[in-house]
């Protein structure tokens, strides 16, 4: 069966609805986050974005200084990884 798939909905199951895009600013409400124990979709989106930013910053530091990636990470965590 040949049919055309939309690349943006490739992983969606039939009948599943798409979510609204978050945009640049994530609407975090401290009241909602605390009520759900911090595990909200908005909080997870913020955590994921901050993790990606940290990874990019670490790689950029490694490239800019010529220091191996794991040594940069070791310095960031206070030298507890490697003696």
N, C-alpha and C. Protein backbone atom coordinates (compact mmCIF):
# COMPACT_ATOMS: atom_id res chain seq x y z
N UNK A 1 0.84 -1.18 0.00
CA UNK A 1 0.00 0.00 0.00
C UNK A 1 0.88 1.24 0.00
N UNK A 2 0.79 2.01 -1.04
CA UNK A 2 1.56 3.25 -1.13
C UNK A 2 0.67 4.41 -0.71
N UNK A 3 1.15 5.18 0.24
CA UNK A 3 0.43 6.37 0.63
C UNK A 3 1.45 7.39 1.11
N UNK A 4 1.07 8.64 1.08
CA UNK A 4 1.97 9.72 1.45
C UNK A 4 1.80 10.05 2.92
N UNK A 5 2.93 10.16 3.64
CA UNK A 5 2.88 10.51 5.06
C UNK A 5 3.43 11.91 5.25
N UNK A 6 2.83 12.64 6.15
CA UNK A 6 3.32 13.96 6.53
C UNK A 6 4.50 13.76 7.48
N UNK A 7 5.63 14.36 7.19
CA UNK A 7 6.82 14.15 8.01
C UNK A 7 6.66 14.68 9.44
N UNK A 8 5.78 15.66 9.65
CA UNK A 8 5.59 16.20 10.99
C UNK A 8 4.74 15.29 11.87
N UNK A 9 3.94 14.44 11.27
CA UNK A 9 3.06 13.56 12.05
C UNK A 9 3.45 12.10 11.85
N UNK A 10 4.70 11.85 11.52
CA UNK A 10 5.16 10.51 11.21
C UNK A 10 4.96 9.54 12.37
N UNK A 11 5.17 9.99 13.59
CA UNK A 11 5.08 9.11 14.75
C UNK A 11 3.70 9.09 15.40
N UNK A 12 2.76 9.78 14.84
CA UNK A 12 1.42 9.83 15.43
C UNK A 12 0.60 8.63 14.97
N UNK A 13 -0.18 8.11 15.89
CA UNK A 13 -1.07 7.00 15.57
C UNK A 13 -2.33 7.55 14.92
N UNK A 14 -3.02 6.72 14.21
CA UNK A 14 -4.24 7.15 13.53
C UNK A 14 -5.26 7.63 14.57
N UNK A 15 -5.82 8.79 14.33
CA UNK A 15 -6.80 9.37 15.24
C UNK A 15 -6.20 10.20 16.36
N UNK A 16 -4.86 10.17 16.51
CA UNK A 16 -4.20 10.93 17.57
C UNK A 16 -4.11 12.39 17.15
N UNK A 17 -4.34 13.30 18.10
CA UNK A 17 -4.31 14.73 17.80
C UNK A 17 -2.94 15.30 18.14
N UNK A 18 -2.51 16.28 17.36
CA UNK A 18 -1.23 16.94 17.57
C UNK A 18 -1.36 17.94 18.71
N UNK A 19 -0.26 18.18 19.43
CA UNK A 19 -0.24 19.15 20.52
C UNK A 19 0.11 20.53 19.99
N UNK A 20 -0.26 21.55 20.74
CA UNK A 20 0.14 22.90 20.40
C UNK A 20 1.64 23.05 20.62
N UNK A 21 2.30 23.85 19.80
CA UNK A 21 3.72 24.11 19.98
C UNK A 21 3.93 24.95 21.24
N UNK A 22 5.04 24.72 21.93
CA UNK A 22 5.33 25.47 23.15
C UNK A 22 5.78 26.88 22.86
N UNK A 23 6.51 27.08 21.78
CA UNK A 23 7.05 28.40 21.49
C UNK A 23 8.34 28.63 22.26
N UNK A 24 8.80 29.85 22.29
CA UNK A 24 10.08 30.17 22.92
C UNK A 24 9.94 30.23 24.44
N UNK A 25 8.91 30.88 24.93
CA UNK A 25 8.71 31.03 26.37
C UNK A 25 7.76 29.94 26.85
N UNK A 26 8.23 29.14 27.81
CA UNK A 26 7.41 28.06 28.35
C UNK A 26 6.58 28.59 29.51
N UNK A 27 5.26 28.42 29.47
CA UNK A 27 4.39 28.98 30.52
C UNK A 27 4.42 28.15 31.80
N UNK A 28 5.40 28.42 32.67
CA UNK A 28 5.50 27.68 33.93
C UNK A 28 4.76 28.44 35.03
N UNK A 29 3.80 27.80 35.63
CA UNK A 29 3.07 28.37 36.76
C UNK A 29 3.53 27.64 38.02
N UNK A 30 4.20 28.33 38.95
CA UNK A 30 4.69 27.66 40.16
C UNK A 30 3.59 26.92 40.93
N UNK A 31 2.40 27.47 40.92
CA UNK A 31 1.28 26.83 41.63
C UNK A 31 0.96 25.47 41.02
N UNK A 32 0.88 25.40 39.68
CA UNK A 32 0.59 24.14 39.00
C UNK A 32 1.72 23.14 39.15
N UNK A 33 2.96 23.62 39.05
CA UNK A 33 4.13 22.74 39.16
C UNK A 33 4.17 22.11 40.55
N UNK A 34 3.97 22.90 41.59
CA UNK A 34 4.02 22.37 42.96
C UNK A 34 2.83 21.45 43.24
N UNK A 35 1.67 21.75 42.66
CA UNK A 35 0.49 20.91 42.89
C UNK A 35 0.68 19.51 42.31
N UNK A 36 1.47 19.39 41.23
CA UNK A 36 1.69 18.10 40.60
C UNK A 36 3.05 17.51 40.94
N UNK A 37 3.70 18.05 41.95
CA UNK A 37 4.98 17.52 42.38
C UNK A 37 6.11 17.80 41.39
N UNK A 38 5.97 18.81 40.56
CA UNK A 38 7.01 19.18 39.62
C UNK A 38 6.97 18.42 38.31
N UNK A 39 6.12 17.43 38.19
CA UNK A 39 6.10 16.61 36.99
C UNK A 39 4.98 17.04 36.04
N UNK A 40 5.17 18.19 35.44
CA UNK A 40 4.20 18.67 34.46
C UNK A 40 4.86 18.66 33.08
N UNK A 41 4.08 18.68 32.05
CA UNK A 41 4.62 18.70 30.69
C UNK A 41 5.44 19.98 30.46
N UNK A 42 4.98 21.10 31.04
CA UNK A 42 5.71 22.35 30.89
C UNK A 42 7.06 22.29 31.59
N UNK A 43 7.09 21.73 32.80
CA UNK A 43 8.34 21.60 33.54
C UNK A 43 9.31 20.67 32.82
N UNK A 44 8.81 19.60 32.25
CA UNK A 44 9.67 18.67 31.53
C UNK A 44 10.23 19.31 30.26
N UNK A 45 9.44 20.15 29.60
CA UNK A 45 9.93 20.85 28.41
C UNK A 45 11.06 21.80 28.81
N UNK A 46 10.88 22.51 29.92
CA UNK A 46 11.93 23.43 30.40
C UNK A 46 13.19 22.65 30.77
N UNK A 47 13.03 21.52 31.47
CA UNK A 47 14.18 20.70 31.85
C UNK A 47 14.93 20.20 30.63
N UNK A 48 14.21 19.76 29.62
CA UNK A 48 14.84 19.27 28.41
C UNK A 48 15.61 20.36 27.68
N UNK A 49 15.02 21.54 27.61
CA UNK A 49 15.70 22.65 26.94
C UNK A 49 16.96 23.07 27.70
N UNK A 50 16.89 23.10 29.03
CA UNK A 50 18.06 23.46 29.81
C UNK A 50 19.15 22.39 29.68
N UNK A 51 18.77 21.12 29.61
CA UNK A 51 19.75 20.06 29.42
C UNK A 51 20.45 20.19 28.07
N UNK A 52 19.69 20.51 27.02
CA UNK A 52 20.30 20.69 25.70
C UNK A 52 21.24 21.90 25.71
N UNK A 53 20.84 22.96 26.39
CA UNK A 53 21.69 24.15 26.48
C UNK A 53 22.99 23.82 27.20
N UNK A 54 22.91 23.04 28.28
CA UNK A 54 24.10 22.64 29.02
C UNK A 54 25.03 21.78 28.18
N UNK A 55 24.47 20.88 27.40
CA UNK A 55 25.28 20.02 26.54
C UNK A 55 25.99 20.85 25.47
N UNK A 56 25.26 21.78 24.85
CA UNK A 56 25.86 22.64 23.83
C UNK A 56 26.97 23.50 24.44
N UNK A 57 26.75 24.04 25.63
CA UNK A 57 27.76 24.86 26.30
C UNK A 57 29.00 24.04 26.63
N UNK A 58 28.81 22.80 27.06
CA UNK A 58 29.94 21.93 27.39
C UNK A 58 30.75 21.57 26.14
N UNK A 59 30.06 21.23 25.06
CA UNK A 59 30.75 20.93 23.80
C UNK A 59 31.48 22.17 23.29
N UNK A 60 30.85 23.33 23.36
CA UNK A 60 31.48 24.57 22.90
C UNK A 60 32.73 24.88 23.72
N UNK A 61 32.67 24.66 25.03
CA UNK A 61 33.84 24.87 25.89
C UNK A 61 34.96 23.92 25.51
N UNK A 62 34.60 22.68 25.26
CA UNK A 62 35.59 21.68 24.88
C UNK A 62 36.27 22.06 23.56
N UNK A 63 35.49 22.48 22.58
CA UNK A 63 36.05 22.85 21.27
C UNK A 63 36.89 24.12 21.38
N UNK A 64 36.39 25.11 22.11
CA UNK A 64 37.08 26.40 22.21
C UNK A 64 38.41 26.29 22.95
N UNK A 65 38.48 25.43 23.95
CA UNK A 65 39.71 25.31 24.74
C UNK A 65 40.61 24.18 24.28
N UNK A 66 40.09 23.29 23.44
CA UNK A 66 40.88 22.15 22.99
C UNK A 66 41.01 21.07 24.05
N UNK A 67 40.19 21.15 25.07
CA UNK A 67 40.20 20.18 26.16
C UNK A 67 39.23 19.05 25.83
N UNK A 68 39.62 17.80 26.08
CA UNK A 68 38.68 16.70 25.84
C UNK A 68 37.36 16.90 26.61
N UNK A 69 36.26 16.45 25.99
CA UNK A 69 34.92 16.65 26.54
C UNK A 69 34.81 16.16 27.99
N UNK A 70 35.28 14.94 28.26
CA UNK A 70 35.14 14.39 29.62
C UNK A 70 35.97 15.16 30.65
N UNK A 71 37.08 15.75 30.23
CA UNK A 71 37.85 16.59 31.16
C UNK A 71 37.09 17.86 31.50
N UNK A 72 36.40 18.43 30.52
CA UNK A 72 35.57 19.61 30.77
C UNK A 72 34.47 19.27 31.76
N UNK A 73 33.81 18.13 31.54
CA UNK A 73 32.74 17.70 32.45
C UNK A 73 33.32 17.47 33.84
N UNK A 74 34.48 16.83 33.92
CA UNK A 74 35.12 16.57 35.21
C UNK A 74 35.40 17.87 35.96
N UNK A 75 35.87 18.89 35.25
CA UNK A 75 36.12 20.18 35.89
C UNK A 75 34.82 20.80 36.39
N UNK A 76 33.74 20.62 35.61
CA UNK A 76 32.45 21.21 35.99
C UNK A 76 31.87 20.58 37.24
N UNK A 77 32.17 19.30 37.46
CA UNK A 77 31.62 18.62 38.64
C UNK A 77 32.61 18.59 39.79
N UNK A 78 33.66 19.39 39.68
CA UNK A 78 34.60 19.51 40.79
C UNK A 78 35.67 18.45 40.86
N UNK A 79 35.92 17.75 39.78
CA UNK A 79 37.00 16.77 39.75
C UNK A 79 36.67 15.43 40.39
N UNK A 80 35.40 15.12 40.56
CA UNK A 80 35.03 13.87 41.23
C UNK A 80 34.99 12.68 40.28
N UNK A 81 35.06 12.94 38.95
CA UNK A 81 34.98 11.82 37.99
C UNK A 81 36.31 11.12 37.82
N UNK A 82 37.38 11.89 37.65
CA UNK A 82 38.69 11.30 37.39
C UNK A 82 39.70 11.87 38.40
N UNK A 83 40.55 11.01 38.86
CA UNK A 83 41.55 11.47 39.84
C UNK A 83 42.80 11.94 39.16
